[in-house]
C-alpha cells in the first residue's frame, strides 16, 4: 500500500481541468455569449495548453446549447473533442441525452457526496441515490459517453461521515467511471484536512483516478490544491482569475506557478500565455482582478521602495522565482514619495534619457513632492516632468489643436480632429462606438494619411475622487500595447474626455519619434 501511494505521488504530470465556462459562469453578473465561450475555449486549449475544459451545463438554456455545440464542433475539427466536458445531472438520462445530441463525448455527472445533501436536498436514502446514480452512469455509457462523477460537498461529507463517501465510491468503482471528482464545494477545508481525507480515499481505493475541485471561502484554495497535488491526485480544477460563486474557484495562474515552484510534479500549462488569457477573461466577464492578484495583478511586478530598486540593481536581492518574464510581463519601478536614485535610474533607462547628478536630484525631488500630493508619476510621464523641472517643456511632434466629439441619444457618436504634426495641420473624422472611440478612430485616420500609426489601446480606466462632486478632477489612465512592455499615460481634468485626450497626446509624443 505504501509503495502504491509513493508511486501515485511521484506521477509526473497533473492534469488541469479549467471550468471557467461552467463554474466560472456562476460568478454574479457573468454570462458569456456563445461567441465569447468559443473565444475563451480556443485561448485555453491553443495558447494556455490546458488539458481539459468543462464547457457548460446540460439543459440550462438555448444559449448554453448553442455555445456548447459551437465549441464541440470546433473541438472535433481540431482533434480535441474528448477534452471537452459537460456537467450533467441525475435526471433519468435527460442530461446524458442532451450532451450526446449536442455532440459531446464526456459527462461530468453531479451526485451528492454528503449524506446530509442526500437526505435533506434530495429527500432520499443513500442506497436509493447510489442506485439512481449507477443507473445514470450505465445509461450515459451506453450512449458512448465517458463518465466522470462529482461527489458534491465531498469535504463536508467526509468530515461528517466517511462511511457514506466510502460506500458510494464502492458502488462507483464497479461501474464504467473514468474519474471521481472531489469538490470542496463550500471551501471549508484546510491543507492538513485535504491531505488527510485524500489519504483515506487512496488507502481504500489505491487505483482510483481522482480530481480535486477547490473553492476559496477561507482564502486557502491554492494551499488546498497543493496539498491535493502532493497527495497524488490526477487532476486539479481551476478557473481563469478564480471566477466562481462567492469567493470563487482555484485561480489558474497562481496554481500553475505554485505547482512548478513548490512541488516535484509538473503541468502542461504555458506560463507565458496566462496574462493574455487572464486579460481576455477580465474583458469578457467584466470582472477585474485585484491589483495584487498573484501572477496577473496589475502591480504584482512593481517595486515601490527605492531600497528594493537599489538591491535589484546590485544583485536581484528583491526578486524571487516569480520573475515577470516567465509570464510575458516586465518589472516596474514605481515613481513616488518612496522612490530613490535607483528607481529613477531604472525609469530613465527605460525612456532613454540621460541626466547629470544635479539634474537627477532636482527631478527626484519633484517626483517625491508629487508623491506627497498623491499624484502618480509613470515612466511615460517622466519626460514631461523632466522638461518642466529643467525649464525645457516638451513641445513634441504632435499637438492636438482642435477636436469635436458629438454624442446624442440614438445617433452614432462622431468625432473630428485637427492635429499639428511637425508643423503640418492634418484632419480626420470618424464614427465610433462611443465618444472616445470615435475620437481615436478619427486620430488614426489623420495619422494614417501621413503614414504613421500608434499602438493599440489595451485598457482604459477612469479614477474619480470620493465625495460625489461632479466638477472634481478626474484621472484618466490609458494602457497601450508596447513593443516590449505596456505604455501607460495619464491625463487629469474635470472632464474625463479631456483627460483622455491629454493622455492620448502624451502617448503620441512618446511613440511618434
Protein backbone atom coordinates (compact mmCIF):
# COMPACT_ATOMS: atom_id res chain seq x y z
CA UNK A 1 0.00 0.00 0.00
CA UNK A 2 2.77 2.44 0.92
CA UNK A 3 4.59 1.71 -2.35
CA UNK A 4 1.37 2.39 -4.31
CA UNK A 5 0.89 5.76 -2.58
CA UNK A 6 4.52 6.70 -3.21
CA UNK A 7 4.12 5.85 -6.89
CA UNK A 8 0.94 7.95 -7.09
CA UNK A 9 2.63 10.99 -5.54
CA UNK A 10 5.60 10.73 -7.88
CA UNK A 11 3.44 10.63 -11.03
CA UNK A 12 4.95 13.48 -13.02
CA UNK A 13 2.02 15.34 -14.57
CA UNK A 14 -1.08 16.83 -13.02
CA UNK A 15 -3.97 17.39 -15.43
CA UNK A 16 -5.71 20.76 -15.33
CA UNK A 17 -9.43 20.92 -15.97
CA UNK A 18 -10.50 24.53 -16.38
CA UNK A 19 -14.14 25.23 -15.60
CA UNK A 20 -14.30 28.96 -16.37
CA UNK A 21 -17.02 28.29 -18.94
CA UNK A 22 -19.16 26.32 -16.45
CA UNK A 23 -18.40 27.10 -12.80
CA UNK A 24 -16.97 30.49 -13.74
CA UNK A 25 -20.39 31.50 -15.06
CA UNK A 26 -21.75 31.11 -11.52
CA UNK A 27 -19.94 34.37 -10.73
CA UNK A 28 -22.61 37.03 -10.04
CA UNK A 29 -23.23 39.07 -13.19
CA UNK A 30 -21.18 36.84 -15.51
CA UNK A 31 -22.72 35.22 -18.58
CA UNK A 32 -20.66 34.58 -21.69
CA UNK A 33 -22.21 34.67 -25.15
CA UNK A 34 -21.68 31.64 -27.41
CA UNK A 35 -19.05 33.60 -29.36
CA UNK A 36 -17.22 34.57 -26.17
CA UNK A 37 -17.27 30.99 -24.91
CA UNK A 38 -15.65 29.79 -28.12
CA UNK A 39 -13.01 32.53 -27.95
CA UNK A 40 -12.10 31.58 -24.35
CA UNK A 41 -12.05 27.86 -25.17
CA UNK A 42 -9.66 28.42 -28.08
CA UNK A 43 -7.35 30.52 -25.90
CA UNK A 44 -7.28 27.96 -23.10
CA UNK A 45 -6.59 24.99 -25.39
CA UNK A 46 -4.37 26.50 -28.10
CA UNK A 47 -2.48 29.16 -26.14
CA UNK A 48 -2.56 28.19 -22.46
CA UNK A 49 -2.32 24.43 -23.23
CA UNK A 50 -4.89 23.44 -20.59
CA UNK A 51 -5.57 19.68 -20.60
CA UNK A 52 -9.37 19.65 -20.33
CA UNK A 53 -12.25 22.13 -20.31
CA UNK A 54 -15.64 21.98 -18.64
CA UNK A 55 -17.55 23.99 -21.20
CA UNK A 56 -21.07 24.20 -19.77
CA UNK A 57 -24.04 22.54 -18.12
CA UNK A 58 -26.69 20.35 -19.72
CA UNK A 59 -30.28 21.56 -20.11
CA UNK A 60 -29.65 25.13 -18.92
CA UNK A 61 -30.80 27.31 -21.83
CA UNK A 62 -30.87 27.61 -25.60
CA UNK A 63 -27.89 29.95 -25.46
CA UNK A 64 -25.96 27.36 -23.48
CA UNK A 65 -26.81 24.69 -26.05
CA UNK A 66 -25.58 26.90 -28.89
CA UNK A 67 -22.39 27.81 -27.01
CA UNK A 68 -21.61 24.18 -26.16
CA UNK A 69 -22.36 22.99 -29.71
CA UNK A 70 -20.10 25.64 -31.23
CA UNK A 71 -17.20 24.61 -29.01
CA UNK A 72 -17.78 20.91 -29.69
CA UNK A 73 -17.82 21.49 -33.46
CA UNK A 74 -14.56 23.42 -33.26
CA UNK A 75 -13.01 20.81 -30.93
CA UNK A 76 -13.91 17.94 -33.26
CA UNK A 77 -12.20 19.68 -36.19
CA UNK A 78 -9.05 20.18 -34.09
CA UNK A 79 -8.92 16.68 -32.60
CA UNK A 80 -9.65 17.73 -29.00
CA UNK A 81 -13.27 16.65 -28.66
CA UNK A 82 -12.51 14.19 -25.85
CA UNK A 83 -11.05 17.09 -23.83
CA UNK A 84 -14.40 18.93 -23.72
CA UNK A 85 -16.56 18.02 -20.71
CA UNK A 86 -20.11 18.99 -19.75
CA UNK A 87 -21.84 18.95 -16.38
CA UNK A 88 -24.86 16.64 -16.18
CA UNK A 89 -27.32 15.62 -13.51
CA UNK A 90 -29.00 12.53 -12.11
CA UNK A 91 -32.22 13.20 -14.01
CA UNK A 92 -33.34 9.97 -15.61
CA UNK A 93 -30.99 10.22 -18.58
CA UNK A 94 -32.08 13.66 -19.79
CA UNK A 95 -28.67 15.27 -19.29
CA UNK A 96 -26.81 12.38 -20.89
CA UNK A 97 -29.07 12.53 -23.95
CA UNK A 98 -28.73 16.33 -24.16
CA UNK A 99 -24.93 16.03 -24.15
CA UNK A 100 -24.97 13.19 -26.66
CA UNK A 101 -27.30 15.08 -29.03
CA UNK A 102 -25.10 18.18 -28.78
CA UNK A 103 -22.12 16.14 -29.95
CA UNK A 104 -20.40 15.81 -26.58
CA UNK A 105 -18.24 12.86 -25.54
CA UNK A 106 -17.78 13.42 -21.78
CA UNK A 107 -20.33 13.89 -19.00
CA UNK A 108 -19.35 15.08 -15.52
CA UNK A 109 -22.24 13.68 -13.51
CA UNK A 110 -23.18 15.63 -10.38
CA UNK A 111 -24.10 13.37 -7.45
CA UNK A 112 -24.32 14.01 -3.72
CA UNK A 113 -21.08 13.49 -1.82
CA UNK A 114 -22.54 14.06 1.63
CA UNK A 115 -25.33 12.21 3.38
CA UNK A 116 -26.80 15.50 4.59
CA UNK A 117 -27.26 16.72 1.00
CA UNK A 118 -28.65 13.33 0.02
CA UNK A 119 -31.27 13.15 2.76
CA UNK A 120 -32.24 16.85 3.03
CA UNK A 121 -31.99 18.16 -0.55
CA UNK A 122 -32.96 15.00 -2.42
CA UNK A 123 -35.13 13.56 0.38
CA UNK A 124 -33.57 10.21 -0.49
CA UNK A 125 -31.85 7.38 1.29
CA UNK A 126 -28.18 6.83 0.43
CA UNK A 127 -28.96 3.42 -1.08
CA UNK A 128 -31.60 4.90 -3.37
CA UNK A 129 -29.25 7.69 -4.51
CA UNK A 130 -26.42 5.23 -5.15
CA UNK A 131 -28.75 3.13 -7.30
CA UNK A 132 -30.08 6.09 -9.30
CA UNK A 133 -26.56 7.35 -9.92
CA UNK A 134 -25.42 3.90 -11.04
CA UNK A 135 -28.32 3.70 -13.49
CA UNK A 136 -27.38 7.17 -14.82
CA UNK A 137 -23.76 6.09 -15.31
CA UNK A 138 -24.76 2.98 -17.20
CA UNK A 139 -27.16 4.87 -19.47
CA UNK A 140 -24.57 7.57 -20.29
CA UNK A 141 -22.01 4.85 -21.00
CA UNK A 142 -24.47 3.11 -23.33
CA UNK A 143 -24.62 6.35 -25.37
CA UNK A 144 -20.86 6.21 -25.81
CA UNK A 145 -20.10 8.93 -23.27
CA UNK A 146 -17.08 8.90 -20.96
CA UNK A 147 -18.43 9.33 -17.45
CA UNK A 148 -16.82 11.23 -14.58
CA UNK A 149 -18.68 11.65 -11.28
CA UNK A 150 -18.67 14.69 -9.00
CA UNK A 151 -19.31 13.94 -5.32
CA UNK A 152 -20.79 17.32 -4.39
CA UNK A 153 -19.88 18.57 -0.89
CA UNK A 154 -17.36 15.75 -0.55
CA UNK A 155 -15.34 17.68 2.04
CA UNK A 156 -18.25 18.04 4.48
CA UNK A 157 -19.44 14.56 3.56
CA UNK A 158 -16.10 13.07 4.57
CA UNK A 159 -15.91 15.11 7.76
CA UNK A 160 -19.46 14.17 8.83
CA UNK A 161 -19.50 10.52 7.78
CA UNK A 162 -16.72 8.99 5.69
CA UNK A 163 -18.75 5.80 5.57
CA UNK A 164 -21.24 7.47 3.21
CA UNK A 165 -18.46 8.51 0.83
CA UNK A 166 -16.74 5.11 1.08
CA UNK A 167 -19.92 3.22 0.30
CA UNK A 168 -20.70 5.48 -2.66
CA UNK A 169 -17.25 5.02 -4.21
CA UNK A 170 -17.50 1.24 -3.65
CA UNK A 171 -20.57 1.33 -5.92
CA UNK A 172 -18.93 3.63 -8.49
CA UNK A 173 -15.67 1.69 -8.79
CA UNK A 174 -17.57 -1.27 -10.23
CA UNK A 175 -19.07 0.94 -12.96
CA UNK A 176 -17.55 2.47 -16.14
CA UNK A 177 -16.48 5.67 -14.34
CA UNK A 178 -13.24 7.28 -15.56
CA UNK A 179 -12.67 9.76 -12.72
CA UNK A 180 -14.09 10.63 -9.33
CA UNK A 181 -14.18 14.40 -8.79
CA UNK A 182 -13.92 15.53 -5.17
CA UNK A 183 -15.20 19.08 -4.59
CA UNK A 184 -14.65 21.22 -1.52
CA UNK A 185 -17.97 22.78 -2.50
CA UNK A 186 -18.19 25.27 0.38
CA UNK A 187 -14.46 25.96 0.68
CA UNK A 188 -14.23 24.61 4.23
CA UNK A 189 -11.00 22.63 4.02
CA UNK A 190 -7.57 23.46 5.37
CA UNK A 191 -4.48 21.82 3.80
CA UNK A 192 -3.98 19.27 6.59
CA UNK A 193 -7.59 18.09 6.27
CA UNK A 194 -7.30 17.95 2.47
CA UNK A 195 -4.25 15.73 2.73
CA UNK A 196 -5.81 13.53 5.44
CA UNK A 197 -9.10 12.99 3.61
CA UNK A 198 -7.31 12.13 0.37
CA UNK A 199 -5.10 9.65 2.22
CA UNK A 200 -8.26 7.92 3.40
CA UNK A 201 -9.55 7.79 -0.19
CA UNK A 202 -6.31 6.42 -1.64
CA UNK A 203 -5.82 3.93 1.20
CA UNK A 204 -9.26 2.49 0.45
CA UNK A 205 -9.10 2.86 -3.35
CA UNK A 206 -5.44 2.91 -4.48
CA UNK A 207 -6.26 2.65 -8.20
CA UNK A 208 -8.83 5.45 -8.21
CA UNK A 209 -8.32 8.36 -10.63
CA UNK A 210 -9.20 11.50 -8.67
CA UNK A 211 -9.67 15.20 -9.46
CA UNK A 212 -9.75 17.86 -6.71
CA UNK A 213 -12.11 20.82 -7.11
CA UNK A 214 -11.47 23.63 -4.61
CA UNK A 215 -13.28 26.80 -3.57
CA UNK A 216 -11.74 29.79 -1.82
CA UNK A 217 -14.10 30.79 1.00
CA UNK A 218 -11.30 30.90 3.61
CA UNK A 219 -8.63 32.04 1.15
CA UNK A 220 -6.98 28.61 1.25
CA UNK A 221 -7.80 27.21 -2.16
CA UNK A 222 -4.27 27.22 -3.57
CA UNK A 223 -2.87 25.70 -0.37
CA UNK A 224 -5.56 23.01 -0.55
CA UNK A 225 -4.87 22.34 -4.23
CA UNK A 226 -1.15 22.00 -3.48
CA UNK A 227 -1.94 19.56 -0.67
CA UNK A 228 -4.04 17.56 -3.15
CA UNK A 229 -1.23 17.59 -5.72
CA UNK A 230 1.25 16.35 -3.13
CA UNK A 231 -1.22 13.68 -2.02
CA UNK A 232 -1.23 12.29 -5.56
CA UNK A 233 -4.44 13.43 -7.27
CA UNK A 234 -4.55 13.08 -11.05
CA UNK A 235 -6.17 16.44 -11.74
CA UNK A 236 -6.99 19.87 -10.33
CA UNK A 237 -9.90 22.09 -11.37
CA UNK A 238 -9.34 25.80 -11.99
CA UNK A 239 -10.97 28.90 -13.38
CA UNK A 240 -9.28 31.86 -15.04
CA UNK A 241 -8.87 34.66 -12.48
CA UNK A 242 -10.60 32.46 -9.87
CA UNK A 243 -14.07 33.16 -11.25
CA UNK A 244 -16.87 31.36 -9.44
CA UNK A 245 -19.60 31.60 -6.84
CA UNK A 246 -18.96 33.51 -3.60
CA UNK A 247 -15.15 33.87 -3.26
CA UNK A 248 -14.55 31.84 -6.41
CA UNK A 249 -12.60 28.79 -7.50
CA UNK A 250 -8.92 27.88 -7.78
CA UNK A 251 -7.24 30.57 -9.94
CA UNK A 252 -5.36 29.02 -12.86
CA UNK A 253 -2.36 31.41 -12.94
CA UNK A 254 -1.22 31.13 -9.32
CA UNK A 255 -1.74 27.36 -9.23
CA UNK A 256 0.44 26.96 -12.33
CA UNK A 257 3.31 28.84 -10.68
CA UNK A 258 2.83 27.11 -7.32
CA UNK A 259 2.94 23.58 -8.76
CA UNK A 260 6.00 24.36 -10.84
CA UNK A 261 7.89 26.03 -7.97
CA UNK A 262 6.69 24.16 -4.89
CA UNK A 263 6.23 20.51 -5.93
CA UNK A 264 8.09 17.83 -7.83
CA UNK A 265 5.17 17.49 -10.25
CA UNK A 266 4.51 19.37 -13.48
CA UNK A 267 1.61 20.70 -15.50
CA UNK A 268 1.44 21.43 -19.21
CA UNK A 269 0.06 24.96 -18.88
CA UNK A 270 2.06 27.59 -20.81
CA UNK A 271 3.03 30.23 -18.26
CA UNK A 272 3.74 32.90 -20.88
CA UNK A 273 0.11 32.80 -22.05
CA UNK A 274 -1.52 33.23 -18.64
CA UNK A 275 -1.57 37.04 -18.65
CA UNK A 276 -3.09 37.06 -22.15
CA UNK A 277 -5.86 34.64 -21.16
CA UNK A 278 -6.45 36.45 -17.88
CA UNK A 279 -6.79 39.82 -19.63
CA UNK A 280 -9.21 38.33 -22.17
CA UNK A 281 -11.44 36.87 -19.47
CA UNK A 282 -11.37 40.10 -17.47
CA UNK A 283 -12.61 41.94 -20.55
CA UNK A 284 -15.30 39.43 -21.48
CA UNK A 285 -16.53 38.81 -17.93
CA UNK A 286 -16.44 42.43 -16.80
CA UNK A 287 -14.76 41.25 -13.58
CA UNK A 288 -11.41 42.92 -12.95
CA UNK A 289 -8.79 41.14 -10.91
CA UNK A 290 -7.33 42.88 -7.88
CA UNK A 291 -4.11 44.87 -8.34
CA UNK A 292 -2.28 42.38 -6.06
CA UNK A 293 -3.60 39.12 -7.52
CA UNK A 294 -0.60 36.76 -7.83
CA UNK A 295 0.89 36.49 -11.32
CA UNK A 296 -1.69 38.59 -13.17
CA UNK A 297 -2.42 41.60 -10.89
CA UNK A 298 -1.54 45.00 -12.33
CA UNK A 299 1.01 45.81 -9.61
CA UNK A 300 2.49 42.43 -8.65
CA UNK A 301 5.74 43.09 -10.52
CA UNK A 302 6.06 46.68 -9.34
CA UNK A 303 8.72 47.67 -6.81
CA UNK A 304 7.88 50.88 -4.97
CA UNK A 305 10.61 51.23 -2.34
CA UNK A 306 13.86 52.78 -3.53
CA UNK A 307 15.83 50.36 -1.31
CA UNK A 308 14.35 47.47 -3.30
CA UNK A 309 15.29 49.05 -6.61
CA UNK A 310 18.84 49.54 -5.30
CA UNK A 311 19.04 45.90 -4.14
CA UNK A 312 17.80 44.65 -7.51
CA UNK A 313 20.33 46.80 -9.32
CA UNK A 314 23.20 45.40 -7.25
CA UNK A 315 22.18 41.75 -7.40
CA UNK A 316 18.44 40.99 -7.78
CA UNK A 317 18.18 40.94 -3.98
CA UNK A 318 14.41 41.51 -4.02
CA UNK A 319 13.47 39.01 -6.73
CA UNK A 320 12.04 35.53 -6.22
CA UNK A 321 11.25 32.71 -8.63
CA UNK A 322 8.20 34.59 -9.83
CA UNK A 323 10.13 36.54 -12.43
CA UNK A 324 7.84 38.66 -14.61
CA UNK A 325 9.45 37.37 -17.80
CA UNK A 326 8.02 33.91 -17.05
CA UNK A 327 4.57 35.37 -17.63
CA UNK A 328 5.36 37.74 -20.54
CA UNK A 329 5.49 40.70 -18.17
CA UNK A 330 8.11 43.21 -17.01
CA UNK A 331 9.44 44.55 -13.73
CA UNK A 332 8.31 48.12 -12.98
CA UNK A 333 9.90 50.54 -10.54
CA UNK A 334 7.26 52.96 -9.30
CA UNK A 335 7.94 56.68 -9.04
CA UNK A 336 6.59 58.36 -5.92
CA UNK A 337 7.47 59.64 -2.47
CA UNK A 338 9.32 56.41 -1.59
CA UNK A 339 11.46 56.49 -4.72
CA UNK A 340 15.22 56.65 -4.54
CA UNK A 341 18.02 57.20 -7.03
CA UNK A 342 17.90 53.59 -8.20
CA UNK A 343 14.16 53.81 -9.01
CA UNK A 344 14.74 56.96 -11.03
CA UNK A 345 17.72 55.44 -12.85
CA UNK A 346 15.67 52.38 -13.84
CA UNK A 347 12.97 54.59 -15.33
CA UNK A 348 15.44 56.89 -17.06
CA UNK A 349 16.98 53.84 -18.72
CA UNK A 350 13.54 52.75 -19.91
CA UNK A 351 12.76 56.07 -21.62
CA UNK A 352 16.34 56.59 -22.84
CA UNK A 353 17.09 59.87 -21.05
CA UNK A 354 20.46 60.79 -19.54
CA UNK A 355 20.79 63.39 -16.76
CA UNK A 356 23.72 64.64 -14.74
CA UNK A 357 23.80 64.26 -10.95
CA UNK A 358 22.38 67.69 -10.24
CA UNK A 359 19.53 67.23 -12.70
CA UNK A 360 18.69 63.85 -11.19
CA UNK A 361 18.48 65.37 -7.71
CA UNK A 362 16.05 68.02 -8.91
CA UNK A 363 13.89 65.56 -10.82
CA UNK A 364 13.83 63.12 -7.90
CA UNK A 365 12.83 65.92 -5.51
CA UNK A 366 9.91 66.80 -7.80
CA UNK A 367 8.80 63.16 -8.01
CA UNK A 368 8.82 62.91 -4.20
CA UNK A 369 6.88 66.22 -3.97
CA UNK A 370 4.24 64.94 -6.39
CA UNK A 371 4.05 61.64 -4.48
CA UNK A 372 3.36 63.54 -1.24
CA UNK A 373 0.39 65.10 -3.01
CA UNK A 374 -0.86 61.62 -4.04
CA UNK A 375 -0.06 62.28 -7.69
CA UNK A 376 1.17 59.28 -9.62
CA UNK A 377 4.12 59.53 -12.00
CA UNK A 378 4.61 56.81 -14.62
CA UNK A 379 7.62 56.19 -16.82
CA UNK A 380 5.64 57.78 -19.64
CA UNK A 381 5.19 60.96 -17.56
CA UNK A 382 8.90 61.23 -16.81
CA UNK A 383 9.93 63.21 -19.93
CA UNK A 384 7.24 65.79 -19.16
CA UNK A 385 8.29 66.09 -15.51
CA UNK A 386 11.92 66.48 -16.56
CA UNK A 387 11.00 69.11 -19.15
CA UNK A 388 9.15 71.21 -16.59
CA UNK A 389 11.89 70.93 -13.94
CA UNK A 390 14.65 71.85 -16.37
CA UNK A 391 12.56 74.66 -17.90
CA UNK A 392 12.59 72.81 -21.19
CA UNK A 393 8.91 71.90 -21.66
CA UNK A 394 8.40 69.18 -24.23
CA UNK A 395 6.60 70.54 -27.27
CA UNK A 396 6.62 67.21 -29.07
CA UNK A 397 5.99 66.39 -32.67
CA UNK A 398 2.26 66.03 -32.13
CA UNK A 399 -0.20 68.57 -30.83
CA UNK A 400 -3.94 68.04 -30.85
CA UNK A 401 -5.08 71.51 -31.96
CA UNK A 402 -8.82 71.00 -32.03
CA UNK A 403 -11.43 68.30 -31.77
CA UNK A 404 -15.20 67.98 -31.74
CA UNK A 405 -16.98 64.95 -30.36
CA UNK A 406 -20.72 64.56 -30.88
CA UNK A 407 -22.86 62.10 -28.96
CA UNK A 408 -26.64 62.04 -28.96
CA UNK A 409 -29.33 59.58 -27.98
CA UNK A 410 -30.00 57.18 -30.83
CA UNK A 411 -27.23 58.61 -33.04
CA UNK A 412 -23.83 57.04 -33.71
CA UNK A 413 -21.07 59.09 -32.00
CA UNK A 414 -18.93 61.13 -34.41
CA UNK A 415 -15.62 62.95 -33.98
CA UNK A 416 -13.49 65.32 -36.00
CA UNK A 417 -9.91 66.17 -35.07
CA UNK A 418 -7.21 68.60 -36.16
CA UNK A 419 -3.64 67.56 -35.39
CA UNK A 420 -0.43 69.52 -35.79
CA UNK A 421 2.33 67.11 -36.79
CA UNK A 422 5.78 68.58 -37.46
CA UNK A 423 4.17 71.97 -38.22
CA UNK A 424 1.68 70.44 -40.66
CA UNK A 425 -2.05 70.51 -39.94
CA UNK A 426 -3.85 67.24 -40.67
CA UNK A 427 -7.53 66.40 -40.30
CA UNK A 428 -9.52 63.26 -39.56
CA UNK A 429 -13.11 62.29 -38.87
CA UNK A 430 -14.82 59.02 -37.94
CA UNK A 431 -17.77 57.37 -36.23
CA UNK A 432 -17.28 55.14 -33.19
CA UNK A 433 -19.00 53.06 -30.54
CA UNK A 434 -18.57 55.90 -28.08
CA UNK A 435 -17.18 59.42 -27.94
CA UNK A 436 -13.60 58.48 -27.17
CA UNK A 437 -13.68 55.57 -29.63
CA UNK A 438 -14.80 57.98 -32.37
CA UNK A 439 -12.00 60.39 -31.38
CA UNK A 440 -9.34 57.66 -31.55
CA UNK A 441 -10.58 56.43 -34.92
CA UNK A 442 -10.53 59.98 -36.29
CA UNK A 443 -7.00 60.41 -34.95
CA UNK A 444 -5.88 57.15 -36.54
CA UNK A 445 -7.28 58.26 -39.91
CA UNK A 446 -5.47 61.58 -39.66
CA UNK A 447 -2.13 59.96 -38.86
CA UNK A 448 -2.61 57.19 -41.42
CA UNK A 449 -2.74 59.88 -44.07
CA UNK A 450 0.91 60.70 -43.33
CA UNK A 451 1.95 57.07 -42.94
CA UNK A 452 2.05 56.98 -39.12
CA UNK A 453 0.27 54.60 -36.77
CA UNK A 454 0.09 54.30 -32.98
CA UNK A 455 -0.31 51.42 -30.52
CA UNK A 456 -3.48 49.53 -29.79
CA UNK A 457 -5.34 50.55 -26.63
CA UNK A 458 -5.45 47.68 -24.14
CA UNK A 459 -7.04 49.27 -21.05
CA UNK A 460 -8.89 52.46 -20.15
CA UNK A 461 -9.51 53.41 -16.54
CA UNK A 462 -11.15 56.46 -15.02
CA UNK A 463 -10.44 57.39 -11.40
CA UNK A 464 -12.84 59.79 -9.73
CA UNK A 465 -12.01 61.03 -6.22
CA UNK A 466 -14.54 60.28 -3.45
CA UNK A 467 -17.02 62.93 -2.36
CA UNK A 468 -19.50 62.93 -5.22
CA UNK A 469 -18.57 66.32 -6.71
CA UNK A 470 -19.32 66.37 -10.41
CA UNK A 471 -16.69 69.07 -11.05
CA UNK A 472 -13.86 67.19 -9.32
CA UNK A 473 -10.64 66.48 -11.18
CA UNK A 474 -10.74 63.14 -12.94
CA UNK A 475 -7.70 60.99 -13.74
CA UNK A 476 -7.89 59.00 -16.96
CA UNK A 477 -5.29 56.26 -17.16
CA UNK A 478 -4.79 54.55 -20.53
CA UNK A 479 -2.66 51.49 -21.17
CA UNK A 480 -1.31 50.95 -24.68
CA UNK A 481 0.31 47.84 -26.12
CA UNK A 482 4.05 48.47 -26.47
CA UNK A 483 6.60 46.53 -28.48
CA UNK A 484 8.16 45.01 -25.36
CA UNK A 485 6.04 46.31 -22.47
CA UNK A 486 2.78 48.21 -21.90
CA UNK A 487 2.87 52.02 -22.08
CA UNK A 488 0.74 53.87 -19.52
CA UNK A 489 -0.20 57.54 -19.94
CA UNK A 490 -2.33 59.66 -17.62
CA UNK A 491 -4.41 62.79 -18.17
CA UNK A 492 -6.09 64.91 -15.47
CA UNK A 493 -9.03 67.29 -15.96
CA UNK A 494 -12.51 67.95 -14.60
CA UNK A 495 -13.80 66.49 -17.89
CA UNK A 496 -12.85 62.83 -18.24
CA UNK A 497 -12.90 63.06 -22.06
CA UNK A 498 -10.45 65.97 -21.98
CA UNK A 499 -8.27 63.94 -19.61
CA UNK A 500 -8.37 61.06 -22.09
CA UNK A 501 -7.31 63.38 -24.91
CA UNK A 502 -4.37 64.58 -22.77
CA UNK A 503 -3.29 61.01 -22.09
CA UNK A 504 -3.54 60.19 -25.79
CA UNK A 505 -1.46 63.20 -26.81
CA UNK A 506 1.23 62.19 -24.31
CA UNK A 507 1.33 58.72 -25.84
CA UNK A 508 1.69 60.12 -29.37
CA UNK A 509 4.67 62.26 -28.38
CA UNK A 510 6.38 59.24 -26.84
CA UNK A 511 5.89 56.79 -29.70
CA UNK A 512 5.99 59.00 -32.80
CA UNK A 513 9.68 59.86 -32.59
